[in-house]
Amino acid sequence: MAPVFNFLGGLGWVMQEPDNRHRAITVAATYSELASRFPMAFPLPPVPLAIGIDKMLMVEGFSRRRMRHFLRRYCSRPEYLFCLIAGRSRIGPHGGMLGVVTESEAFYARSKLEQGTW
């Protein structure tokens, strides 16, 4: 089957192979739910998320598997990598500042963008 292009809300247009449609829809549905429940942590454009936000969201009722799958995709998007600027605050689920982006994290994000390996 040929690839399909789908608009996935805040994730934009995504090319999907037929086998990956369910995963992409799950990511889009998770983003929609997170953005509605935690608008300070999941705005457009993205903001740096707190280290360990997956565990914080599990306390809010999300499964570990769902959060790991979603955050792996969300945090590897170019839009997210662009927001990782050294010294910028990291945001928790309820909008609180929980740490800052380090020089090494910003360097890693820039290198991923330059290499196109996001």
Protein backbone atom coordinates (compact mmCIF):
# COMPACT_ATOMS: atom_id res chain seq x y z
CA MET A 1 0.00 0.00 0.00
CA ALA A 2 1.11 3.58 -0.64
CA PRO A 3 1.92 6.02 2.17
CA VAL A 4 -0.89 8.24 3.40
CA PHE A 5 -0.65 11.86 4.55
CA ASN A 6 -2.74 12.72 7.59
CA PHE A 7 -3.14 15.95 9.50
CA LEU A 8 -2.54 15.18 13.17
CA GLY A 9 -3.58 18.34 14.97
CA GLY A 10 -0.63 19.93 16.74
CA LEU A 11 1.71 17.42 15.14
CA GLY A 12 1.06 18.76 11.62
CA TRP A 13 1.01 16.72 8.44
CA VAL A 14 2.62 13.32 8.84
CA MET A 15 3.41 10.74 6.17
CA GLN A 16 2.41 7.35 7.43
CA GLU A 17 2.95 3.90 6.13
CA PRO A 18 -0.28 1.89 6.38
CA ASP A 19 1.05 -0.14 9.36
CA ASN A 20 1.87 3.03 11.33
CA ARG A 21 -1.54 4.71 11.06
CA HIS A 22 -2.74 3.39 14.40
CA ARG A 23 0.42 4.60 16.17
CA ALA A 24 0.19 8.06 14.61
CA ILE A 25 -3.47 8.38 15.55
CA THR A 26 -2.62 7.29 19.11
CA VAL A 27 0.11 9.96 19.31
CA ALA A 28 -2.29 12.61 17.99
CA ALA A 29 -5.02 11.56 20.43
CA THR A 30 -2.55 11.61 23.33
CA TYR A 31 -1.35 15.07 22.31
CA SER A 32 -4.93 16.37 22.15
CA GLU A 33 -5.71 14.99 25.59
CA LEU A 34 -2.50 16.34 27.13
CA ALA A 35 -2.91 19.76 25.51
CA SER A 36 -6.45 20.07 26.86
CA ARG A 37 -5.56 18.88 30.38
CA PHE A 38 -2.14 20.59 30.62
CA PRO A 39 -2.16 23.61 28.29
CA MET A 40 0.90 25.22 29.94
CA ALA A 41 3.06 22.16 29.27
CA PHE A 42 1.81 21.35 25.76
CA PRO A 43 1.25 24.66 23.94
CA LEU A 44 2.03 25.46 20.32
CA PRO A 45 4.87 26.14 19.74
CA PRO A 46 6.29 23.62 22.23
CA VAL A 47 8.19 24.48 25.41
CA PRO A 48 10.98 22.44 27.04
CA LEU A 49 9.42 19.77 29.22
CA ALA A 50 10.65 18.92 32.71
CA ILE A 51 13.00 15.97 33.03
CA GLY A 52 10.88 13.10 34.37
CA ILE A 53 7.58 14.50 33.11
CA ASP A 54 6.62 10.97 32.09
CA LYS A 55 6.50 9.95 35.76
CA MET A 56 4.54 13.10 36.65
CA LEU A 57 1.98 12.28 33.96
CA MET A 58 1.72 8.68 35.16
CA VAL A 59 0.61 10.06 38.55
CA GLU A 60 -2.11 11.94 36.61
CA GLY A 61 -3.44 8.62 35.27
CA PHE A 62 -1.56 8.02 32.01
CA SER A 63 0.07 4.64 31.44
CA ARG A 64 3.85 4.34 31.35
CA ARG A 65 3.76 2.73 27.90
CA ARG A 66 1.54 5.45 26.44
CA MET A 67 3.71 8.26 27.88
CA ARG A 68 6.99 6.70 26.75
CA HIS A 69 5.64 6.16 23.23
CA PHE A 70 4.18 9.66 23.01
CA LEU A 71 7.16 11.51 24.52
CA ARG A 72 9.64 9.64 22.33
CA ARG A 73 7.81 10.93 19.25
CA TYR A 74 6.95 14.40 20.63
CA CYS A 75 10.43 15.22 21.94
CA SER A 76 12.18 14.16 18.75
CA ARG A 77 10.17 16.54 16.52
CA PRO A 78 12.13 19.46 15.02
CA GLU A 79 9.71 21.95 16.60
CA TYR A 80 10.56 20.60 20.05
CA LEU A 81 14.30 20.41 19.37
CA PHE A 82 14.23 24.09 18.28
CA CYS A 83 12.81 25.12 21.66
CA LEU A 84 15.73 23.59 23.58
CA ILE A 85 17.80 26.72 24.19
CA ALA A 86 20.37 26.77 27.00
CA GLY A 87 19.03 28.52 30.09
CA ARG A 88 15.38 28.24 29.09
CA SER A 89 13.02 26.96 31.81
CA ARG A 90 11.70 23.42 31.70
CA ILE A 91 7.96 23.19 32.37
CA GLY A 92 6.07 20.62 34.43
CA PRO A 93 2.54 19.39 33.70
CA HIS A 94 0.84 22.23 35.59
CA GLY A 95 3.06 24.99 34.23
CA GLY A 96 5.61 25.15 37.03
CA MET A 97 9.26 25.75 36.19
CA LEU A 98 11.18 22.56 37.00
CA GLY A 99 14.79 23.06 35.92
CA VAL A 100 16.49 24.63 32.92
CA VAL A 101 17.88 23.41 29.62
CA THR A 102 21.63 22.84 29.98
CA GLU A 103 24.31 23.73 27.44
CA SER A 104 24.87 20.05 26.65
CA GLU A 105 21.14 19.44 26.08
CA ALA A 106 20.93 22.46 23.77
CA PHE A 107 24.05 21.29 21.89
CA TYR A 108 22.57 17.80 21.49
CA ALA A 109 19.32 19.27 20.10
CA ARG A 110 21.21 21.48 17.63
CA SER A 111 23.34 18.58 16.46
CA LYS A 112 20.22 16.41 15.90
CA LEU A 113 18.69 19.23 13.83
CA GLU A 114 21.88 19.79 11.80
CA GLN A 115 22.25 16.09 11.09
CA GLY A 116 18.58 15.71 10.24
CA THR A 117 18.38 12.70 12.59
CA TRP A 118 15.32 13.79 14.49
